[in-house]
Amino acid sequence: MKELHCIVPGCQWHTRHDTEAEIIRRATEHLRETHGETAIREAMLETIKANIQPEKGKAA
């Protein structure tokens, strides 16, 4: 299981899932709905990917 915390400073949103693809989908949906992003740029995707971590307390 992997997890991601929102890349926007101060935002407490996070998600967990087995696949990186689903985490990225959820993160981009969150950025659109919560933070008003209308376009998800390549740099944002790279930041999201770089911040996906194994779930705390769990092995990868």
PDB file of N, CA and C in Angstrom:
ATOM      1  N   MET A   1       0.850  -1.172   0.000  1.00  0.00           N
ATOM      2  CA  MET A   1       0.000   0.000   0.000  1.00  0.00           C
ATOM      3  C   MET A   1       0.896   1.235   0.000  1.00  0.00           C
ATOM      4  N   LYS A   2       0.499   2.220  -0.805  1.00  0.00           N
ATOM      5  CA  LYS A   2       1.248   3.469  -0.912  1.00  0.00           C
ATOM      6  C   LYS A   2       0.346   4.608  -0.470  1.00  0.00           C
ATOM      7  N   GLU A   3       0.958   5.749  -0.125  1.00  0.00           N
ATOM      8  CA  GLU A   3       0.163   6.898   0.279  1.00  0.00           C
ATOM      9  C   GLU A   3       0.760   8.186  -0.266  1.00  0.00           C
ATOM     10  N   LEU A   4      -0.100   9.188  -0.310  1.00  0.00           N
ATOM     11  CA  LEU A   4       0.304  10.517  -0.768  1.00  0.00           C
ATOM     12  C   LEU A   4      -0.432  11.546   0.063  1.00  0.00           C
ATOM     13  N   HIS A   5       0.311  12.547   0.514  1.00  0.00           N
ATOM     14  CA  HIS A   5      -0.281  13.702   1.178  1.00  0.00           C
ATOM     15  C   HIS A   5      -0.270  14.839   0.166  1.00  0.00           C
ATOM     16  N   CYS A   6      -1.295  15.673   0.229  1.00  0.00           N
ATOM     17  CA  CYS A   6      -1.443  16.758  -0.747  1.00  0.00           C
ATOM     18  C   CYS A   6      -0.157  17.557  -0.880  1.00  0.00           C
ATOM     19  N   ILE A   7       0.153  17.950  -2.113  1.00  0.00           N
ATOM     20  CA  ILE A   7       1.370  18.708  -2.391  1.00  0.00           C
ATOM     21  C   ILE A   7       1.205  20.193  -2.096  1.00  0.00           C
ATOM     22  N   VAL A   8      -0.014  20.632  -1.756  1.00  0.00           N
ATOM     23  CA  VAL A   8      -0.266  22.037  -1.433  1.00  0.00           C
ATOM     24  C   VAL A   8       0.026  22.244   0.055  1.00  0.00           C
ATOM     25  N   PRO A   9       0.954  23.132   0.383  1.00  0.00           N
ATOM     26  CA  PRO A   9       1.299  23.357   1.791  1.00  0.00           C
ATOM     27  C   PRO A   9       0.062  23.709   2.625  1.00  0.00           C
ATOM     28  N   GLY A  10      -0.031  23.078   3.789  1.00  0.00           N
ATOM     29  CA  GLY A  10      -1.125  23.348   4.708  1.00  0.00           C
ATOM     30  C   GLY A  10      -2.368  22.505   4.496  1.00  0.00           C
ATOM     31  N   CYS A  11      -2.472  21.829   3.370  1.00  0.00           N
ATOM     32  CA  CYS A  11      -3.635  20.986   3.092  1.00  0.00           C
ATOM     33  C   CYS A  11      -3.437  19.639   3.781  1.00  0.00           C
ATOM     34  N   GLN A  12      -4.459  19.170   4.476  1.00  0.00           N
ATOM     35  CA  GLN A  12      -4.369  17.924   5.237  1.00  0.00           C
ATOM     36  C   GLN A  12      -4.845  16.691   4.468  1.00  0.00           C
ATOM     37  N   TRP A  13      -5.273  16.853   3.213  1.00  0.00           N
ATOM     38  CA  TRP A  13      -5.794  15.740   2.422  1.00  0.00           C
ATOM     39  C   TRP A  13      -4.705  14.701   2.181  1.00  0.00           C
ATOM     40  N   HIS A  14      -5.109  13.436   2.187  1.00  0.00           N
ATOM     41  CA  HIS A  14      -4.190  12.353   1.825  1.00  0.00           C
ATOM     42  C   HIS A  14      -5.003  11.183   1.285  1.00  0.00           C
ATOM     43  N   THR A  15      -4.312  10.285   0.598  1.00  0.00           N
ATOM     44  CA  THR A  15      -4.959   9.099   0.047  1.00  0.00           C
ATOM     45  C   THR A  15      -4.003   7.921   0.116  1.00  0.00           C
ATOM     46  N   ARG A  16      -4.588   6.726   0.081  1.00  0.00           N
ATOM     47  CA  ARG A  16      -3.805   5.483   0.072  1.00  0.00           C
ATOM     48  C   ARG A  16      -4.401   4.553  -0.982  1.00  0.00           C
ATOM     49  N   HIS A  17      -3.534   3.800  -1.632  1.00  0.00           N
ATOM     50  CA  HIS A  17      -4.004   2.795  -2.586  1.00  0.00           C
ATOM     51  C   HIS A  17      -2.834   1.887  -2.937  1.00  0.00           C
ATOM     52  N   ASP A  18      -3.161   0.748  -3.537  1.00  0.00           N
ATOM     53  CA  ASP A  18      -2.123  -0.200  -3.949  1.00  0.00           C
ATOM     54  C   ASP A  18      -1.355   0.276  -5.177  1.00  0.00           C
ATOM     55  N   THR A  19      -2.037   1.013  -6.074  1.00  0.00           N
ATOM     56  CA  THR A  19      -1.381   1.392  -7.325  1.00  0.00           C
ATOM     57  C   THR A  19      -1.076   2.881  -7.390  1.00  0.00           C
ATOM     58  N   GLU A  20       0.070   3.182  -7.965  1.00  0.00           N
ATOM     59  CA  GLU A  20       0.478   4.566  -8.166  1.00  0.00           C
ATOM     60  C   GLU A  20      -0.504   5.286  -9.091  1.00  0.00           C
ATOM     61  N   ALA A  21      -1.002   4.589 -10.102  1.00  0.00           N
ATOM     62  CA  ALA A  21      -1.927   5.207 -11.058  1.00  0.00           C
ATOM     63  C   ALA A  21      -3.192   5.713 -10.367  1.00  0.00           C
ATOM     64  N   GLU A  22      -3.742   4.942  -9.447  1.00  0.00           N
ATOM     65  CA  GLU A  22      -4.953   5.365  -8.739  1.00  0.00           C
ATOM     66  C   GLU A  22      -4.660   6.526  -7.798  1.00  0.00           C
ATOM     67  N   ILE A  23      -3.511   6.522  -7.165  1.00  0.00           N
ATOM     68  CA  ILE A  23      -3.132   7.646  -6.306  1.00  0.00           C
ATOM     69  C   ILE A  23      -3.017   8.916  -7.138  1.00  0.00           C
ATOM     70  N   ILE A  24      -2.405   8.826  -8.309  1.00  0.00           N
ATOM     71  CA  ILE A  24      -2.271   9.991  -9.189  1.00  0.00           C
ATOM     72  C   ILE A  24      -3.642  10.472  -9.638  1.00  0.00           C
ATOM     73  N   ARG A  25      -4.537   9.552  -9.988  1.00  0.00           N
ATOM     74  CA  ARG A  25      -5.893   9.940 -10.398  1.00  0.00           C
ATOM     75  C   ARG A  25      -6.604  10.683  -9.272  1.00  0.00           C
ATOM     76  N   ARG A  26      -6.524  10.147  -8.073  1.00  0.00           N
ATOM     77  CA  ARG A  26      -7.172  10.784  -6.925  1.00  0.00           C
ATOM     78  C   ARG A  26      -6.563  12.152  -6.627  1.00  0.00           C
ATOM     79  N   ALA A  27      -5.244  12.240  -6.728  1.00  0.00           N
ATOM     80  CA  ALA A  27      -4.565  13.506  -6.440  1.00  0.00           C
ATOM     81  C   ALA A  27      -4.940  14.586  -7.448  1.00  0.00           C
ATOM     82  N   THR A  28      -5.006  14.232  -8.730  1.00  0.00           N
ATOM     83  CA  THR A  28      -5.374  15.235  -9.731  1.00  0.00           C
ATOM     84  C   THR A  28      -6.831  15.656  -9.561  1.00  0.00           C
ATOM     85  N   GLU A  29      -7.696  14.715  -9.210  1.00  0.00           N
ATOM     86  CA  GLU A  29      -9.096  15.053  -8.932  1.00  0.00           C
ATOM     87  C   GLU A  29      -9.175  16.012  -7.739  1.00  0.00           C
ATOM     88  N   HIS A  30      -8.413  15.743  -6.700  1.00  0.00           N
ATOM     89  CA  HIS A  30      -8.376  16.607  -5.516  1.00  0.00           C
ATOM     90  C   HIS A  30      -7.884  18.010  -5.882  1.00  0.00           C
ATOM     91  N   LEU A  31      -6.825  18.088  -6.670  1.00  0.00           N
ATOM     92  CA  LEU A  31      -6.298  19.398  -7.064  1.00  0.00           C
ATOM     93  C   LEU A  31      -7.335  20.206  -7.836  1.00  0.00           C
ATOM     94  N   ARG A  32      -8.096  19.544  -8.691  1.00  0.00           N
ATOM     95  CA  ARG A  32      -9.142  20.234  -9.458  1.00  0.00           C
ATOM     96  C   ARG A  32     -10.289  20.691  -8.558  1.00  0.00           C
ATOM     97  N   GLU A  33     -10.801  19.764  -7.749  1.00  0.00           N
ATOM     98  CA  GLU A  33     -12.000  20.040  -6.959  1.00  0.00           C
ATOM     99  C   GLU A  33     -11.745  20.944  -5.758  1.00  0.00           C
ATOM    100  N   THR A  34     -10.637  20.750  -5.072  1.00  0.00           N
ATOM    101  CA  THR A  34     -10.380  21.477  -3.830  1.00  0.00           C
ATOM    102  C   THR A  34      -9.562  22.744  -4.043  1.00  0.00           C
ATOM    103  N   HIS A  35      -8.586  22.662  -4.924  1.00  0.00           N
ATOM    104  CA  HIS A  35      -7.673  23.789  -5.094  1.00  0.00           C
ATOM    105  C   HIS A  35      -7.917  24.566  -6.385  1.00  0.00           C
ATOM    106  N   GLY A  36      -8.924  24.167  -7.156  1.00  0.00           N
ATOM    107  CA  GLY A  36      -9.319  24.921  -8.338  1.00  0.00           C
ATOM    108  C   GLY A  36      -8.365  24.853  -9.514  1.00  0.00           C
ATOM    109  N   GLU A  37      -7.512  23.856  -9.542  1.00  0.00           N
ATOM    110  CA  GLU A  37      -6.596  23.716 -10.683  1.00  0.00           C
ATOM    111  C   GLU A  37      -7.399  23.321 -11.922  1.00  0.00           C
ATOM    112  N   THR A  38      -7.236  24.062 -12.985  1.00  0.00           N
ATOM    113  CA  THR A  38      -7.960  23.747 -14.216  1.00  0.00           C
ATOM    114  C   THR A  38      -7.113  22.926 -15.176  1.00  0.00           C
ATOM    115  N   ALA A  39      -5.805  22.993 -15.011  1.00  0.00           N
ATOM    116  CA  ALA A  39      -4.892  22.213 -15.851  1.00  0.00           C
ATOM    117  C   ALA A  39      -3.842  21.583 -14.943  1.00  0.00           C
ATOM    118  N   ILE A  40      -3.647  20.298 -15.108  1.00  0.00           N
ATOM    119  CA  ILE A  40      -2.626  19.595 -14.335  1.00  0.00           C
ATOM    120  C   ILE A  40      -1.376  19.520 -15.206  1.00  0.00           C
ATOM    121  N   ARG A  41      -0.385  20.309 -14.836  1.00  0.00           N
ATOM    122  CA  ARG A  41       0.839  20.403 -15.630  1.00  0.00           C
ATOM    123  C   ARG A  41       1.779  19.228 -15.347  1.00  0.00           C
ATOM    124  N   GLU A  42       2.664  18.985 -16.281  1.00  0.00           N
ATOM    125  CA  GLU A  42       3.636  17.896 -16.152  1.00  0.00           C
ATOM    126  C   GLU A  42       4.447  18.037 -14.864  1.00  0.00           C
ATOM    127  N   ALA A  43       4.818  19.256 -14.513  1.00  0.00           N
ATOM    128  CA  ALA A  43       5.583  19.477 -13.280  1.00  0.00           C
ATOM    129  C   ALA A  43       4.789  19.037 -12.051  1.00  0.00           C
ATOM    130  N   MET A  44       3.474  19.246 -12.074  1.00  0.00           N
ATOM    131  CA  MET A  44       2.629  18.800 -10.959  1.00  0.00           C
ATOM    132  C   MET A  44       2.628  17.278 -10.873  1.00  0.00           C
ATOM    133  N   LEU A  45       2.499  16.629 -12.022  1.00  0.00           N
ATOM    134  CA  LEU A  45       2.511  15.164 -12.038  1.00  0.00           C
ATOM    135  C   LEU A  45       3.832  14.620 -11.501  1.00  0.00           C
ATOM    136  N   GLU A  46       4.930  15.244 -11.880  1.00  0.00           N
ATOM    137  CA  GLU A  46       6.240  14.804 -11.397  1.00  0.00           C
ATOM    138  C   GLU A  46       6.347  14.991  -9.889  1.00  0.00           C
ATOM    139  N   THR A  47       5.813  16.102  -9.372  1.00  0.00           N
ATOM    140  CA  THR A  47       5.825  16.343  -7.927  1.00  0.00           C
ATOM    141  C   THR A  47       4.972  15.313  -7.204  1.00  0.00           C
ATOM    142  N   ILE A  48       3.803  15.015  -7.758  1.00  0.00           N
ATOM    143  CA  ILE A  48       2.933  13.993  -7.166  1.00  0.00           C
ATOM    144  C   ILE A  48       3.671  12.658  -7.118  1.00  0.00           C
ATOM    145  N   LYS A  49       4.238  12.241  -8.248  1.00  0.00           N
ATOM    146  CA  LYS A  49       4.944  10.958  -8.310  1.00  0.00           C
ATOM    147  C   LYS A  49       6.095  10.903  -7.306  1.00  0.00           C
ATOM    148  N   ALA A  50       6.825  12.009  -7.180  1.00  0.00           N
ATOM    149  CA  ALA A  50       7.975  12.052  -6.276  1.00  0.00           C
ATOM    150  C   ALA A  50       7.565  11.971  -4.808  1.00  0.00           C
ATOM    151  N   ASN A  51       6.315  12.323  -4.507  1.00  0.00           N
ATOM    152  CA  ASN A  51       5.846  12.340  -3.121  1.00  0.00           C
ATOM    153  C   ASN A  51       5.043  11.110  -2.721  1.00  0.00           C
ATOM    154  N   ILE A  52       4.853  10.165  -3.619  1.00  0.00           N
ATOM    155  CA  ILE A  52       4.175   8.915  -3.267  1.00  0.00           C
ATOM    156  C   ILE A  52       5.161   8.065  -2.468  1.00  0.00           C
ATOM    157  N   GLN A  53       4.723   7.651  -1.289  1.00  0.00           N
ATOM    158  CA  GLN A  53       5.583   6.910  -0.370  1.00  0.00           C
ATOM    159  C   GLN A  53       4.910   5.614   0.060  1.00  0.00           C
ATOM    160  N   PRO A  54       5.703   4.647   0.520  1.00  0.00           N
ATOM    161  CA  PRO A  54       5.084   3.468   1.139  1.00  0.00           C
ATOM    162  C   PRO A  54       4.290   3.937   2.360  1.00  0.00           C
ATOM    163  N   GLU A  55       3.167   3.293   2.622  1.00  0.00           N
ATOM    164  CA  GLU A  55       2.344   3.669   3.766  1.00  0.00           C
ATOM    165  C   GLU A  55       3.174   3.586   5.037  1.00  0.00           C
ATOM    166  N   LYS A  56       3.061   4.588   5.893  1.00  0.00           N
ATOM    167  CA  LYS A  56       3.838   4.620   7.134  1.00  0.00           C
ATOM    168  C   LYS A  56       3.558   3.378   7.966  1.00  0.00           C
ATOM    169  N   GLY A  57       4.631   2.790   8.460  1.00  0.00           N
ATOM    170  CA  GLY A  57       4.495   1.606   9.294  1.00  0.00           C
ATOM    171  C   GLY A  57       4.317   0.318   8.518  1.00  0.00           C
ATOM    172  N   LYS A  58       4.362   0.409   7.194  1.00  0.00           N
ATOM    173  CA  LYS A  58       4.170  -0.780   6.349  1.00  0.00           C
ATOM    174  C   LYS A  58       5.360  -0.923   5.407  1.00  0.00           C
ATOM    175  N   ALA A  59       5.646  -2.124   5.026  1.00  0.00           N
ATOM    176  CA  ALA A  59       6.675  -2.375   4.017  1.00  0.00           C
ATOM    177  C   ALA A  59       6.088  -2.109   2.643  1.00  0.00           C
ATOM    178  N   ALA A  60       6.936  -1.792   1.671  1.00  0.00           N
ATOM    179  CA  ALA A  60       6.470  -1.462   0.318  1.00  0.00           C
ATOM    180  C   ALA A  60       5.807  -2.606  -0.364  1.00  0.00           C
TER     181      ALA A  60
END
